[in-house]
Amino acid sequence: MRNASGNTLCYIPQGVGSLNPLLTVGTQLKRSLHLSGRHTCALALEQQIKHYHLQHDILLKYPRQLSGGMAKRILACNAALGGARYILADEITAWLDEPLAFQLLHQLRDLAAQGAGVLWVTHDLSLAARFADRIVALSHGQISDDMVVNELKDGGGSAALRRQWLALPEHQRLFSDEEMPVQAGGV
């Protein structure tokens, strides 16, 4: 979708295969800017690259020369450059280590703070509880839960969502040696 002020919606896909393997990263970012109706100077592009903790020479590289984390940051940078009112980020943190996932999520929150609506699709309930404002859970293709994050943290949600929440490692109680349950028949 497009309107006079640029893109209305930007999609950040789960897979990095959406980057065109035949074009350099720089060409793809410039093309996206042109298609969004935004014309920015080289300095603004350079600033966005730095904001996503990437080096200038990445603009000359092809997607096959990027790590998965670099490619995900390029996709997020592309969304920021396009100035979309709404961003759909599909599993943006999948396959990323925790520091890089946190970095990308902070950048999505920055975009939201600048006025963009962000819908982040994830299976990582722990990360969602840290970074999202609201949690909308699906079960069999239907919305089963829709709440602010604090409601989940305070014990709200459907039975299925509560089980998932309580099964997270950060909610597991560690037993002392004396408390460790032992099944009948030995250790």
C-alpha atoms as a PDB file:
ATOM      1  CA  MET A   1       0.000   0.000   0.000  1.00  0.00           C
ATOM      2  CA  ARG A   2       1.123   3.522  -0.632  1.00  0.00           C
ATOM      3  CA  ASN A   3      -0.111   7.021   0.065  1.00  0.00           C
ATOM      4  CA  ALA A   4       1.178  10.546  -0.511  1.00  0.00           C
ATOM      5  CA  SER A   5       3.459  10.471   2.521  1.00  0.00           C
ATOM      6  CA  GLY A   6       5.107   7.157   1.609  1.00  0.00           C
ATOM      7  CA  ASN A   7       4.382   3.554   2.478  1.00  0.00           C
ATOM      8  CA  THR A   8       1.463   2.733   4.678  1.00  0.00           C
ATOM      9  CA  LEU A   9       2.631  -0.811   5.417  1.00  0.00           C
ATOM     10  CA  CYS A  10       6.074  -2.406   5.453  1.00  0.00           C
ATOM     11  CA  TYR A  11       6.565  -6.140   5.849  1.00  0.00           C
ATOM     12  CA  ILE A  12       9.750  -7.500   7.424  1.00  0.00           C
ATOM     13  CA  PRO A  13       9.710 -11.162   6.396  1.00  0.00           C
ATOM     14  CA  GLN A  14      10.811 -14.065   8.550  1.00  0.00           C
ATOM     15  CA  GLY A  15      13.245 -15.352   5.966  1.00  0.00           C
ATOM     16  CA  VAL A  16      16.169 -13.392   4.646  1.00  0.00           C
ATOM     17  CA  GLY A  17      15.637 -14.957   1.219  1.00  0.00           C
ATOM     18  CA  SER A  18      13.445 -11.987   0.343  1.00  0.00           C
ATOM     19  CA  LEU A  19      16.592  -9.982  -0.386  1.00  0.00           C
ATOM     20  CA  ASN A  20      17.288 -10.051  -4.124  1.00  0.00           C
ATOM     21  CA  PRO A  21      20.453 -12.147  -4.619  1.00  0.00           C
ATOM     22  CA  LEU A  22      21.306 -10.311  -7.858  1.00  0.00           C
ATOM     23  CA  LEU A  23      21.400  -6.793  -6.388  1.00  0.00           C
ATOM     24  CA  THR A  24      23.707  -5.242  -3.828  1.00  0.00           C
ATOM     25  CA  VAL A  25      22.273  -4.246  -0.476  1.00  0.00           C
ATOM     26  CA  GLY A  26      22.767  -0.578  -1.349  1.00  0.00           C
ATOM     27  CA  THR A  27      20.840  -0.897  -4.595  1.00  0.00           C
ATOM     28  CA  GLN A  28      17.979  -2.637  -2.795  1.00  0.00           C
ATOM     29  CA  LEU A  29      17.766  -0.011  -0.046  1.00  0.00           C
ATOM     30  CA  LYS A  30      17.825   2.826  -2.583  1.00  0.00           C
ATOM     31  CA  ARG A  31      15.168   1.084  -4.672  1.00  0.00           C
ATOM     32  CA  SER A  32      12.921   0.711  -1.623  1.00  0.00           C
ATOM     33  CA  LEU A  33      13.362   4.391  -0.819  1.00  0.00           C
ATOM     34  CA  HIS A  34      12.413   5.327  -4.366  1.00  0.00           C
ATOM     35  CA  LEU A  35       9.332   3.066  -4.360  1.00  0.00           C
ATOM     36  CA  SER A  36       8.188   4.473  -1.007  1.00  0.00           C
ATOM     37  CA  GLY A  37       8.265   7.987  -2.409  1.00  0.00           C
ATOM     38  CA  ARG A  38      10.929   9.055   0.064  1.00  0.00           C
ATOM     39  CA  HIS A  39      14.075  10.582  -1.251  1.00  0.00           C
ATOM     40  CA  THR A  40      16.838  10.753   1.265  1.00  0.00           C
ATOM     41  CA  CYS A  41      20.429  11.828   1.001  1.00  0.00           C
ATOM     42  CA  ALA A  42      23.390   9.497   1.238  1.00  0.00           C
ATOM     43  CA  LEU A  43      24.045  10.814   4.750  1.00  0.00           C
ATOM     44  CA  ALA A  44      20.616   9.663   5.995  1.00  0.00           C
ATOM     45  CA  LEU A  45      21.206   6.216   4.503  1.00  0.00           C
ATOM     46  CA  GLU A  46      24.633   6.101   6.156  1.00  0.00           C
ATOM     47  CA  GLN A  47      23.109   7.082   9.520  1.00  0.00           C
ATOM     48  CA  GLN A  48      20.518   4.313   9.302  1.00  0.00           C
ATOM     49  CA  ILE A  49      23.216   1.767   8.447  1.00  0.00           C
ATOM     50  CA  LYS A  50      25.176   2.847  11.535  1.00  0.00           C
ATOM     51  CA  HIS A  51      22.012   2.832  13.670  1.00  0.00           C
ATOM     52  CA  TYR A  52      21.625  -0.860  12.840  1.00  0.00           C
ATOM     53  CA  HIS A  53      25.281  -1.488  13.782  1.00  0.00           C
ATOM     54  CA  LEU A  54      26.384  -2.176  10.225  1.00  0.00           C
ATOM     55  CA  GLN A  55      29.414  -0.884   8.352  1.00  0.00           C
ATOM     56  CA  HIS A  56      29.245   1.317   5.239  1.00  0.00           C
ATOM     57  CA  ASP A  57      30.785  -1.385   3.031  1.00  0.00           C
ATOM     58  CA  ILE A  58      27.673  -3.528   3.522  1.00  0.00           C
ATOM     59  CA  LEU A  59      26.007  -1.380   0.847  1.00  0.00           C
ATOM     60  CA  LEU A  60      28.375  -2.923  -1.710  1.00  0.00           C
ATOM     61  CA  LYS A  61      27.715  -6.514  -0.672  1.00  0.00           C
ATOM     62  CA  TYR A  62      25.306  -9.061  -2.081  1.00  0.00           C
ATOM     63  CA  PRO A  63      22.880 -10.916   0.225  1.00  0.00           C
ATOM     64  CA  ARG A  64      24.889 -14.145  -0.078  1.00  0.00           C
ATOM     65  CA  GLN A  65      27.812 -12.323   1.557  1.00  0.00           C
ATOM     66  CA  LEU A  66      25.814 -11.481   4.697  1.00  0.00           C
ATOM     67  CA  SER A  67      25.297 -13.438   7.883  1.00  0.00           C
ATOM     68  CA  GLY A  68      21.696 -14.118   8.865  1.00  0.00           C
ATOM     69  CA  GLY A  69      21.877 -11.439  11.551  1.00  0.00           C
ATOM     70  CA  MET A  70      23.232  -8.865   9.107  1.00  0.00           C
ATOM     71  CA  ALA A  71      20.485  -9.672   6.614  1.00  0.00           C
ATOM     72  CA  LYS A  72      17.783  -9.323   9.304  1.00  0.00           C
ATOM     73  CA  ARG A  73      19.217  -5.928  10.272  1.00  0.00           C
ATOM     74  CA  ILE A  74      19.153  -4.855   6.610  1.00  0.00           C
ATOM     75  CA  LEU A  75      15.468  -5.832   6.412  1.00  0.00           C
ATOM     76  CA  ALA A  76      14.706  -3.832   9.572  1.00  0.00           C
ATOM     77  CA  CYS A  77      16.763  -0.885   8.289  1.00  0.00           C
ATOM     78  CA  ASN A  78      14.759  -1.018   5.076  1.00  0.00           C
ATOM     79  CA  ALA A  79      11.524  -0.700   7.070  1.00  0.00           C
ATOM     80  CA  ALA A  80      12.882   2.314   8.943  1.00  0.00           C
ATOM     81  CA  LEU A  81      14.073   4.024   5.765  1.00  0.00           C
ATOM     82  CA  GLY A  82      10.703   3.597   4.073  1.00  0.00           C
ATOM     83  CA  GLY A  83       8.896   5.577   6.758  1.00  0.00           C
ATOM     84  CA  ALA A  84       5.947   3.184   6.881  1.00  0.00           C
ATOM     85  CA  ARG A  85       3.064   3.995   9.220  1.00  0.00           C
ATOM     86  CA  TYR A  86       2.685   0.301  10.050  1.00  0.00           C
ATOM     87  CA  ILE A  87       5.327  -2.415  10.232  1.00  0.00           C
ATOM     88  CA  LEU A  88       4.590  -6.138  10.233  1.00  0.00           C
ATOM     89  CA  ALA A  89       7.679  -7.926  11.598  1.00  0.00           C
ATOM     90  CA  ASP A  90       7.310 -11.672  11.067  1.00  0.00           C
ATOM     91  CA  GLU A  91       9.551 -13.672  13.427  1.00  0.00           C
ATOM     92  CA  ILE A  92      12.252 -10.994  13.194  1.00  0.00           C
ATOM     93  CA  THR A  93      14.177 -12.589  16.083  1.00  0.00           C
ATOM     94  CA  ALA A  94      14.094 -16.180  14.803  1.00  0.00           C
ATOM     95  CA  TRP A  95      17.573 -17.747  14.635  1.00  0.00           C
ATOM     96  CA  LEU A  96      19.241 -14.766  16.310  1.00  0.00           C
ATOM     97  CA  ASP A  97      21.284 -14.867  19.493  1.00  0.00           C
ATOM     98  CA  GLU A  98      19.857 -12.969  22.454  1.00  0.00           C
ATOM     99  CA  PRO A  99      21.982  -9.782  22.183  1.00  0.00           C
ATOM    100  CA  LEU A 100      21.129  -9.324  18.502  1.00  0.00           C
ATOM    101  CA  ALA A 101      17.451 -10.129  19.118  1.00  0.00           C
ATOM    102  CA  PHE A 102      17.351  -7.513  21.905  1.00  0.00           C
ATOM    103  CA  GLN A 103      19.040  -4.979  19.622  1.00  0.00           C
ATOM    104  CA  LEU A 104      16.484  -5.483  16.850  1.00  0.00           C
ATOM    105  CA  LEU A 105      13.581  -5.310  19.283  1.00  0.00           C
ATOM    106  CA  HIS A 106      14.882  -2.073  20.786  1.00  0.00           C
ATOM    107  CA  GLN A 107      15.036  -0.688  17.247  1.00  0.00           C
ATOM    108  CA  LEU A 108      11.438  -1.763  16.604  1.00  0.00           C
ATOM    109  CA  ARG A 109      10.433  -0.004  19.833  1.00  0.00           C
ATOM    110  CA  ASP A 110      12.257   3.110  18.572  1.00  0.00           C
ATOM    111  CA  LEU A 111      10.146   2.995  15.403  1.00  0.00           C
ATOM    112  CA  ALA A 112       7.005   2.669  17.531  1.00  0.00           C
ATOM    113  CA  ALA A 113       8.128   5.631  19.665  1.00  0.00           C
ATOM    114  CA  GLN A 114       8.448   7.644  16.441  1.00  0.00           C
ATOM    115  CA  GLY A 115       4.800   6.904  15.653  1.00  0.00           C
ATOM    116  CA  ALA A 116       4.856   3.685  13.625  1.00  0.00           C
ATOM    117  CA  GLY A 117       2.430   0.931  14.506  1.00  0.00           C
ATOM    118  CA  VAL A 118       4.363  -2.315  14.940  1.00  0.00           C
ATOM    119  CA  LEU A 119       2.867  -5.794  14.801  1.00  0.00           C
ATOM    120  CA  TRP A 120       5.512  -8.345  15.761  1.00  0.00           C
ATOM    121  CA  VAL A 121       4.731 -12.006  15.120  1.00  0.00           C
ATOM    122  CA  THR A 122       6.665 -14.370  17.383  1.00  0.00           C
ATOM    123  CA  HIS A 123       6.545 -17.729  19.118  1.00  0.00           C
ATOM    124  CA  ASP A 124       8.913 -16.472  21.841  1.00  0.00           C
ATOM    125  CA  LEU A 125       6.611 -15.609  24.731  1.00  0.00           C
ATOM    126  CA  SER A 126       9.524 -14.615  26.962  1.00  0.00           C
ATOM    127  CA  LEU A 127      10.772 -11.990  24.487  1.00  0.00           C
ATOM    128  CA  ALA A 128       7.235 -10.818  23.798  1.00  0.00           C
ATOM    129  CA  ALA A 129       6.682 -10.216  27.516  1.00  0.00           C
ATOM    130  CA  ARG A 130       9.857  -8.114  27.648  1.00  0.00           C
ATOM    131  CA  PHE A 131       9.307  -5.970  24.566  1.00  0.00           C
ATOM    132  CA  ALA A 132       5.638  -5.924  23.595  1.00  0.00           C
ATOM    133  CA  ASP A 133       2.914  -3.675  24.953  1.00  0.00           C
ATOM    134  CA  ARG A 134       0.165  -6.181  24.197  1.00  0.00           C
ATOM    135  CA  ILE A 135       0.003  -9.932  23.720  1.00  0.00           C
ATOM    136  CA  VAL A 136      -2.460 -11.430  21.254  1.00  0.00           C
ATOM    137  CA  ALA A 137      -2.302 -15.226  21.252  1.00  0.00           C
ATOM    138  CA  LEU A 138      -3.800 -17.501  18.621  1.00  0.00           C
ATOM    139  CA  SER A 139      -5.097 -21.020  19.057  1.00  0.00           C
ATOM    140  CA  HIS A 140      -6.230 -23.005  16.017  1.00  0.00           C
ATOM    141  CA  GLY A 141      -6.298 -19.821  13.941  1.00  0.00           C
ATOM    142  CA  GLN A 142      -8.527 -17.944  16.394  1.00  0.00           C
ATOM    143  CA  ILE A 143      -7.637 -15.227  18.904  1.00  0.00           C
ATOM    144  CA  SER A 144      -7.587 -16.890  22.322  1.00  0.00           C
ATOM    145  CA  ASP A 145      -6.038 -14.048  24.322  1.00  0.00           C
ATOM    146  CA  ASP A 146      -5.728 -10.283  23.898  1.00  0.00           C
ATOM    147  CA  MET A 147      -4.219  -8.406  26.826  1.00  0.00           C
ATOM    148  CA  VAL A 148      -1.608  -5.940  27.954  1.00  0.00           C
ATOM    149  CA  VAL A 149       1.638  -7.650  28.932  1.00  0.00           C
ATOM    150  CA  ASN A 150       1.211  -6.897  32.636  1.00  0.00           C
ATOM    151  CA  GLU A 151      -2.026  -8.911  32.679  1.00  0.00           C
ATOM    152  CA  LEU A 152      -0.051 -11.969  31.575  1.00  0.00           C
ATOM    153  CA  LYS A 153       2.643 -11.300  34.180  1.00  0.00           C
ATOM    154  CA  ASP A 154      -0.052 -10.932  36.856  1.00  0.00           C
ATOM    155  CA  GLY A 155      -1.598 -14.329  36.120  1.00  0.00           C
ATOM    156  CA  GLY A 156      -4.093 -13.487  33.383  1.00  0.00           C
ATOM    157  CA  GLY A 157      -4.765 -15.331  30.178  1.00  0.00           C
ATOM    158  CA  SER A 158      -6.307 -18.583  29.051  1.00  0.00           C
ATOM    159  CA  ALA A 159      -5.258 -21.869  30.630  1.00  0.00           C
ATOM    160  CA  ALA A 160      -3.170 -22.753  27.567  1.00  0.00           C
ATOM    161  CA  LEU A 161      -1.324 -19.424  27.601  1.00  0.00           C
ATOM    162  CA  ARG A 162      -0.731 -19.704  31.362  1.00  0.00           C
ATOM    163  CA  ARG A 163       0.800 -23.184  30.870  1.00  0.00           C
ATOM    164  CA  GLN A 164       3.143 -21.797  28.207  1.00  0.00           C
ATOM    165  CA  TRP A 165       4.048 -18.859  30.437  1.00  0.00           C
ATOM    166  CA  LEU A 166       4.763 -21.041  33.475  1.00  0.00           C
ATOM    167  CA  ALA A 167       6.785 -23.506  31.376  1.00  0.00           C
ATOM    168  CA  LEU A 168       9.345 -20.829  30.479  1.00  0.00           C
ATOM    169  CA  PRO A 169      12.775 -21.460  32.050  1.00  0.00           C
ATOM    170  CA  GLU A 170      12.644 -18.209  34.024  1.00  0.00           C
ATOM    171  CA  HIS A 171       9.584 -19.515  35.888  1.00  0.00           C
ATOM    172  CA  GLN A 172      11.026 -22.903  36.766  1.00  0.00           C
ATOM    173  CA  ARG A 173      11.773 -23.482  40.416  1.00  0.00           C
ATOM    174  CA  LEU A 174      15.085 -25.173  41.092  1.00  0.00           C
ATOM    175  CA  PHE A 175      15.029 -27.925  43.703  1.00  0.00           C
ATOM    176  CA  SER A 176      17.698 -28.450  46.316  1.00  0.00           C
ATOM    177  CA  ASP A 177      19.147 -31.982  46.560  1.00  0.00           C
ATOM    178  CA  GLU A 178      16.858 -32.674  49.516  1.00  0.00           C
ATOM    179  CA  GLU A 179      13.741 -31.516  47.653  1.00  0.00           C
ATOM    180  CA  MET A 180      14.465 -33.258  44.351  1.00  0.00           C
ATOM    181  CA  PRO A 181      11.590 -35.629  43.628  1.00  0.00           C
ATOM    182  CA  VAL A 182      12.724 -39.213  43.042  1.00  0.00           C
ATOM    183  CA  GLN A 183      10.554 -41.726  41.235  1.00  0.00           C
ATOM    184  CA  ALA A 184       9.961 -45.123  42.742  1.00  0.00           C
ATOM    185  CA  GLY A 185      12.350 -47.726  41.428  1.00  0.00           C
ATOM    186  CA  GLY A 186      15.583 -45.796  41.827  1.00  0.00           C
ATOM    187  CA  VAL A 187      17.325 -42.777  40.526  1.00  0.00           C
END
